[in-house]
Amino acid sequence: SNVNKLIEKAVDNSFPSDHTILFFAFCMTFFIYQKRWRYIWIMLALVVGISRIWVGVHYPADVIVGAIISIFSTFIASFIVSRLNIIRKLLWLYEKGEQQILPTRDKSREL
């Protein structure tokens, strides 16, 4: 009650931060699978977490626990999903369909 808030938020659930969980989950997924910009994604996730504290809608523990939950769950999900045969089959089917619909770079340069 003695916190100066930049944004008013209804008191419903503060612990852990939903925004931090969601944004860290997206950013950790990009961190795992997109090697080129991986550290930019982590920096963006940290900025979102810090901004939740800065505007006064969450305490630091809310953001830290939200980040830990999403980092842990992202690594577990990527470990499990990459080993499921049904996912591999669906990806193979998707790539076959994509090859039929979209031309490859060599074919598009010939046109």
Protein backbone atom coordinates (compact mmCIF):
# COMPACT_ATOMS: atom_id res chain seq x y z
CA SER A 1 0.00 0.00 0.00
CA ASN A 2 2.98 2.34 0.47
CA VAL A 3 4.32 1.86 -3.06
CA ASN A 4 4.24 4.70 -5.57
CA LYS A 5 2.59 3.21 -8.64
CA LEU A 6 3.10 4.56 -12.13
CA ILE A 7 0.19 2.45 -13.43
CA GLU A 8 -2.86 1.42 -11.40
CA LYS A 9 -3.56 -2.28 -11.47
CA ALA A 10 -6.36 -4.20 -9.86
CA VAL A 11 -5.15 -6.44 -7.07
CA ASP A 12 -5.79 -9.91 -8.42
CA ASN A 13 -2.62 -11.93 -8.65
CA SER A 14 0.80 -10.48 -8.13
CA PHE A 15 2.92 -13.55 -7.55
CA PRO A 16 4.46 -14.51 -9.93
CA SER A 17 4.32 -11.90 -12.67
CA ASP A 18 2.22 -13.14 -15.59
CA HIS A 19 3.82 -10.69 -18.02
CA THR A 20 7.30 -11.83 -17.03
CA ILE A 21 6.38 -15.50 -17.38
CA LEU A 22 4.90 -14.98 -20.82
CA PHE A 23 7.65 -12.76 -22.18
CA PHE A 24 10.50 -14.86 -20.77
CA ALA A 25 8.90 -17.99 -22.28
CA PHE A 26 8.82 -16.39 -25.74
CA CYS A 27 12.31 -14.99 -25.41
CA MET A 28 13.78 -18.24 -24.10
CA THR A 29 12.25 -20.10 -27.02
CA PHE A 30 13.95 -17.68 -29.41
CA PHE A 31 17.14 -17.99 -27.33
CA ILE A 32 17.15 -21.76 -27.80
CA TYR A 33 16.25 -21.90 -31.50
CA GLN A 34 17.46 -18.59 -33.00
CA LYS A 35 21.22 -18.40 -32.55
CA ARG A 36 21.74 -15.10 -34.34
CA TRP A 37 19.87 -12.71 -32.01
CA ARG A 38 19.77 -14.85 -28.88
CA TYR A 39 21.23 -12.30 -26.46
CA ILE A 40 19.00 -9.51 -27.73
CA TRP A 41 15.97 -11.61 -26.77
CA ILE A 42 17.29 -12.14 -23.26
CA MET A 43 17.92 -8.41 -22.90
CA LEU A 44 14.33 -7.68 -24.00
CA ALA A 45 12.99 -10.16 -21.46
CA LEU A 46 15.05 -8.51 -18.73
CA VAL A 47 13.77 -5.08 -19.76
CA VAL A 48 10.17 -6.30 -19.49
CA GLY A 49 10.86 -7.76 -16.06
CA ILE A 50 12.53 -4.59 -14.84
CA SER A 51 9.76 -2.46 -16.29
CA ARG A 52 7.17 -4.38 -14.25
CA ILE A 53 9.08 -3.45 -11.11
CA TRP A 54 9.71 0.12 -12.32
CA VAL A 55 6.03 0.92 -12.87
CA GLY A 56 5.21 -0.46 -9.45
CA VAL A 57 2.92 -3.34 -10.32
CA HIS A 58 5.28 -6.10 -9.10
CA TYR A 59 7.90 -6.70 -6.48
CA PRO A 60 11.33 -8.01 -7.53
CA ALA A 61 10.53 -11.49 -6.19
CA ASP A 62 7.44 -11.65 -8.44
CA VAL A 63 9.56 -11.00 -11.51
CA ILE A 64 12.46 -13.27 -10.49
CA VAL A 65 10.17 -16.23 -9.77
CA GLY A 66 8.26 -15.61 -13.01
CA ALA A 67 11.52 -15.65 -14.96
CA ILE A 68 12.72 -18.83 -13.23
CA ILE A 69 9.43 -20.62 -13.91
CA SER A 70 9.44 -19.72 -17.60
CA ILE A 71 13.14 -20.51 -18.13
CA PHE A 72 12.75 -23.90 -16.48
CA SER A 73 9.53 -24.77 -18.30
CA THR A 74 10.92 -23.65 -21.69
CA PHE A 75 13.96 -25.90 -21.37
CA ILE A 76 11.81 -28.84 -20.22
CA ALA A 77 9.31 -28.31 -23.05
CA SER A 78 12.01 -28.01 -25.71
CA PHE A 79 13.69 -31.15 -24.39
CA ILE A 80 10.47 -33.18 -24.40
CA VAL A 81 8.93 -31.86 -27.63
CA SER A 82 12.10 -32.39 -29.68
CA ARG A 83 12.03 -36.09 -28.78
CA LEU A 84 8.40 -36.83 -29.64
CA ASN A 85 8.03 -38.82 -32.86
CA ILE A 86 4.64 -37.28 -33.65
CA ILE A 87 6.22 -33.81 -33.67
CA ARG A 88 8.95 -35.00 -36.02
CA LYS A 89 6.35 -36.51 -38.36
CA LEU A 90 4.25 -33.35 -38.31
CA LEU A 91 7.31 -31.20 -39.07
CA TRP A 92 8.27 -33.49 -41.94
CA LEU A 93 4.72 -33.26 -43.32
CA TYR A 94 4.75 -29.48 -42.95
CA GLU A 95 8.09 -29.16 -44.76
CA LYS A 96 6.87 -31.38 -47.63
CA GLY A 97 3.78 -29.19 -48.01
CA GLU A 98 5.88 -26.05 -47.81
CA GLN A 99 8.12 -27.32 -50.61
CA GLN A 100 5.05 -27.88 -52.78
CA ILE A 101 3.55 -24.44 -52.12
CA LEU A 102 6.57 -22.16 -51.87
CA PRO A 103 9.29 -22.19 -54.51
CA THR A 104 12.88 -22.60 -53.40
CA ARG A 105 15.33 -19.75 -53.84
CA ASP A 106 16.87 -21.30 -56.95
CA LYS A 107 13.50 -21.59 -58.68
CA SER A 108 12.46 -18.06 -57.75
CA ARG A 109 15.67 -16.60 -59.24
CA GLU A 110 15.00 -18.36 -62.55
CA LEU A 111 11.65 -16.58 -62.93
